[in-house]
Protein backbone atom coordinates (compact mmCIF):
# COMPACT_ATOMS: atom_id res chain seq x y z
CA MET A 1 5.15 -52.21 -2.13
CA LEU A 2 7.78 -49.30 -2.08
CA PRO A 3 11.43 -50.29 -1.17
CA ALA A 4 12.02 -49.57 2.53
CA LYS A 5 14.04 -46.36 1.89
CA GLU A 6 11.57 -44.88 -0.56
CA GLN A 7 8.65 -45.81 1.81
CA ALA A 8 10.43 -44.14 4.73
CA THR A 9 10.96 -41.01 2.69
CA SER A 10 7.40 -40.98 1.45
CA GLU A 11 6.06 -41.23 5.16
CA ALA A 12 8.50 -38.57 6.31
CA THR A 13 7.30 -36.02 3.74
CA PRO A 14 3.57 -36.75 3.03
CA ARG A 15 2.18 -34.83 0.03
CA VAL A 16 -0.24 -32.05 1.16
CA ARG A 17 -3.27 -31.86 -1.08
CA MET A 18 -4.84 -28.46 -1.38
CA SER A 19 -8.31 -27.40 -2.45
CA GLY A 20 -8.38 -25.04 -5.44
CA VAL A 21 -9.03 -22.11 -3.13
CA GLU A 22 -6.12 -23.00 -1.01
CA ARG A 23 -3.73 -23.51 -3.99
CA ARG A 24 -4.93 -20.17 -5.40
CA GLU A 25 -4.04 -18.34 -1.94
CA GLN A 26 -0.69 -20.19 -1.87
CA LEU A 27 0.28 -19.00 -5.27
CA ILE A 28 -0.78 -15.39 -4.38
CA LYS A 29 1.24 -15.43 -1.21
CA VAL A 30 4.30 -16.90 -3.07
CA ALA A 31 4.17 -14.57 -6.07
CA ARG A 32 3.54 -11.53 -3.70
CA GLY A 33 6.76 -12.24 -1.97
CA LEU A 34 8.71 -12.70 -5.16
CA PHE A 35 7.19 -9.56 -6.86
CA ALA A 36 8.06 -7.52 -3.78
CA GLU A 37 11.61 -8.68 -3.58
CA ASN A 38 12.52 -8.84 -7.36
CA GLY A 39 9.81 -6.91 -9.25
CA VAL A 40 7.31 -8.31 -11.47
CA ASP A 41 9.45 -8.12 -14.71
CA ALA A 42 12.29 -9.91 -13.07
CA THR A 43 9.91 -12.75 -11.78
CA SER A 44 9.18 -15.68 -13.99
CA VAL A 45 6.39 -18.08 -13.97
CA GLU A 46 8.96 -20.84 -13.40
CA GLU A 47 10.21 -19.13 -10.22
CA ILE A 48 6.69 -18.94 -8.82
CA ALA A 49 5.90 -22.40 -9.68
CA ALA A 50 9.17 -23.67 -8.28
CA ALA A 51 8.72 -21.66 -4.99
CA ALA A 52 5.24 -23.02 -4.59
CA ALA A 53 6.35 -26.51 -5.44
CA VAL A 54 3.86 -26.91 -8.35
CA SER A 55 4.10 -27.20 -12.17
CA LYS A 56 3.69 -24.12 -14.38
CA PRO A 57 0.47 -25.38 -15.83
CA ILE A 58 -1.09 -25.01 -12.30
CA VAL A 59 -0.05 -21.28 -12.32
CA TYR A 60 -1.62 -20.98 -15.65
CA GLU A 61 -4.79 -22.75 -14.69
CA HIS A 62 -5.57 -20.49 -11.81
CA PHE A 63 -4.56 -17.02 -13.30
CA GLY A 64 -4.12 -17.30 -17.17
CA SER A 65 -0.55 -15.84 -17.07
CA LYS A 66 1.92 -14.03 -14.79
CA ASP A 67 0.13 -10.76 -15.62
CA GLY A 68 -3.11 -12.16 -14.52
CA LEU A 69 -1.59 -13.11 -11.17
CA TYR A 70 0.00 -9.83 -10.76
CA ALA A 71 -3.21 -8.03 -11.46
CA VAL A 72 -4.99 -10.10 -8.72
CA ILE A 73 -2.29 -9.14 -6.12
CA VAL A 74 -2.26 -5.52 -7.15
CA ASP A 75 -6.08 -5.29 -6.96
CA ARG A 76 -6.25 -6.98 -3.54
CA GLU A 77 -3.50 -4.65 -2.03
CA ALA A 78 -5.06 -1.54 -3.58
CA GLN A 79 -8.35 -2.39 -2.16
CA ARG A 80 -6.95 -2.86 1.29
CA LEU A 81 -4.83 0.37 1.23
CA ASP A 82 -7.49 2.60 -0.33
CA GLY A 83 -10.15 1.27 1.98
CA ALA A 84 -8.17 1.72 5.10
CA VAL A 85 -7.05 5.43 4.32
CA CYS A 86 -10.38 6.53 2.99
CA ALA A 87 -12.18 5.05 5.89
CA ALA A 88 -9.76 6.86 8.28
CA LEU A 89 -10.43 10.17 6.47
CA ASP A 90 -14.32 9.54 6.52
CA THR A 91 -14.54 8.99 10.25
CA PRO A 92 -17.74 10.69 11.32
CA ASN A 93 -17.66 13.68 13.64
CA ALA A 94 -13.89 13.66 13.73
CA ARG A 95 -12.07 16.92 14.47
CA TYR A 96 -9.75 18.15 11.63
CA ARG A 97 -6.47 17.29 13.49
CA GLU A 98 -7.87 13.83 14.45
CA THR A 99 -8.78 13.18 10.72
CA LEU A 100 -5.21 14.12 9.86
CA GLU A 101 -3.84 11.70 12.39
CA ARG A 102 -5.90 9.00 11.40
CA GLY A 103 -5.18 9.31 7.87
CA ILE A 104 -1.38 9.31 8.37
CA LEU A 105 -1.64 6.28 10.70
CA ALA A 106 -3.77 4.26 8.29
CA LEU A 107 -0.99 4.56 5.62
CA LEU A 108 1.85 3.79 8.19
CA ASP A 109 -0.21 0.94 9.63
CA TYR A 110 -0.64 -0.60 6.28
CA ILE A 111 3.22 -0.16 5.39
CA ASP A 112 3.89 -1.93 8.75
CA ASP A 113 1.34 -4.73 8.34
CA CYS A 114 1.87 -5.22 4.52
CA PRO A 115 5.33 -4.33 3.49
CA GLU A 116 5.31 -6.79 0.55
CA GLY A 117 2.04 -5.36 -0.78
CA PHE A 118 3.32 -1.67 -0.41
CA ARG A 119 6.55 -2.43 -2.13
CA ILE A 120 4.57 -3.83 -5.12
CA LEU A 121 2.07 -0.92 -5.11
CA SER A 122 4.45 1.91 -4.62
CA ARG A 123 6.72 0.86 -7.53
CA ASP A 124 3.91 -0.38 -9.78
CA SER A 125 4.44 1.26 -13.21
CA ARG A 126 2.13 -1.03 -15.31
CA THR A 127 -1.35 0.01 -13.98
CA GLY A 128 -0.67 3.36 -12.14
CA THR A 129 -2.55 1.81 -9.24
CA TYR A 130 -0.58 3.58 -6.40
CA ALA A 131 -0.89 6.97 -8.26
CA SER A 132 -4.73 6.23 -8.42
CA ILE A 133 -4.90 5.41 -4.77
CA LEU A 134 -3.05 8.78 -4.01
CA SER A 135 -5.42 10.58 -6.24
CA ASP A 136 -8.47 9.12 -4.44
CA VAL A 137 -6.93 10.23 -0.98
CA THR A 138 -6.20 13.56 -2.45
CA ILE A 139 -9.88 14.07 -3.42
CA HIS A 140 -10.88 13.10 0.18
CA ALA A 141 -8.33 15.39 1.55
CA GLU A 142 -9.37 18.24 -0.53
CA GLU A 143 -12.97 17.97 0.38
CA ILE A 144 -11.85 18.42 4.06
CA MET A 145 -9.47 21.20 3.54
CA ARG A 146 -11.81 23.13 1.30
CA SER A 147 -14.30 23.60 4.20
CA GLN A 148 -11.52 24.40 6.54
CA LEU A 149 -9.94 27.03 4.18
CA SER A 150 -13.41 28.68 3.62
CA HIS A 151 -14.02 28.77 7.45
CA HIS A 152 -10.76 30.63 8.09
CA ARG A 153 -11.28 32.94 4.93
CA PHE A 154 -8.64 31.55 2.69
CA ASP A 155 -9.22 30.96 -1.01
CA PRO A 156 -10.94 27.50 -1.08
CA GLU A 157 -9.28 26.81 -4.66
CA LEU A 158 -6.01 26.34 -2.59
CA ALA A 159 -7.38 23.08 -1.23
CA ARG A 160 -6.49 21.08 -4.36
CA PRO A 161 -2.62 21.90 -4.37
CA LEU A 162 -2.44 21.84 -0.63
CA ALA A 163 -4.19 18.35 -0.49
CA GLN A 164 -1.64 17.09 -3.10
CA ALA A 165 1.25 18.51 -1.23
CA LEU A 166 0.01 16.89 1.98
CA VAL A 167 -0.62 13.59 0.51
CA GLY A 168 2.76 13.71 -1.18
CA LEU A 169 4.48 14.48 1.96
CA VAL A 170 2.97 11.65 3.76
CA SER A 171 3.45 9.13 0.92
CA MET A 172 7.17 9.92 0.33
CA ALA A 173 7.98 9.75 4.22
CA GLY A 174 6.05 6.47 4.22
CA GLN A 175 8.27 4.98 1.34
CA ALA A 176 11.47 6.09 3.01
CA TRP A 177 10.26 4.63 6.40
CA LEU A 178 9.41 1.26 4.82
CA GLU A 179 13.25 0.71 4.40
CA THR A 180 14.52 1.95 7.77
CA ARG A 181 11.57 1.48 10.19
CA GLN A 182 13.07 4.54 11.90
CA PRO A 183 11.90 6.50 13.88
CA PRO A 184 9.30 4.23 15.32
CA LYS A 185 5.96 4.48 13.65
CA ASP A 186 4.05 6.50 16.23
CA VAL A 187 6.90 8.92 16.39
CA LEU A 188 7.05 9.42 12.71
CA ALA A 189 3.27 9.85 12.45
CA ALA A 190 3.37 12.43 15.30
CA GLN A 191 6.03 14.38 13.54
CA LEU A 192 4.32 14.40 10.24
CA VAL A 193 1.16 15.63 11.92
CA ASN A 194 3.34 18.25 13.79
CA LEU A 195 4.76 19.39 10.38
CA ALA A 196 1.41 19.40 8.48
CA TRP A 197 -0.76 20.74 11.44
CA ASN A 198 1.48 23.59 12.47
CA GLY A 199 2.12 24.49 8.87
CA LEU A 200 -1.54 24.81 8.15
CA ALA A 201 -2.23 26.48 11.46
CA HIS A 202 0.16 29.24 10.51
CA LEU A 203 -0.77 29.88 6.98
CA GLN A 204 -0.46 33.58 5.90
CA HIS A 205 -3.26 35.07 4.05
CA HIS A 206 -0.89 36.96 1.63
CA PRO A 207 2.42 35.08 1.66
CA THR A 208 5.43 36.67 -0.50
CA LEU A 209 8.62 35.22 -1.73
CA THR A 210 11.85 36.45 -0.17
CA VAL A 211 14.09 35.74 -3.06
CA ARG A 212 12.44 37.98 -5.47
């Protein structure tokens, strides 16, 4: 029988037992927050275990190492972002401008809904995952732009650099917006579409530089 004081404390803070799946998800959630705030290199297994109120061996039991846990988080976030943007670009029978709007909104929606995940992905230097996602999106954008350029009698080989420029524009704007959330998401999306769409709509067939 516990002393009255210890018994009262035990009853006030009952221990919650988790299944293996629940514990794994808890550790992922805790680590994602720490990695997003401090970066993976500045986050220790001790900090993750303390924040989750478990011992270090529990972390190792589920993920093998901090790098193993980090890889799981990066892979999960990458699949979510890549899937959302590519699905937006692959919308059947969508007009070109609508596809552009859907792609931009897909990225901004992900940043809005998963800021921790985006922070981790966008500053990931270990796996190059974010660069790989942008490369996938660029390939999708290039395919769409190539047909449009050909239709308007532009050199279709321009599709690659123009797609890279467009994806870079939206990506950099998204990273800046993450920190300020200004202007409102729909306003930023509309302005990015405005810049990209009107720029593409008024492409010159034979542009020249004015400084040479």
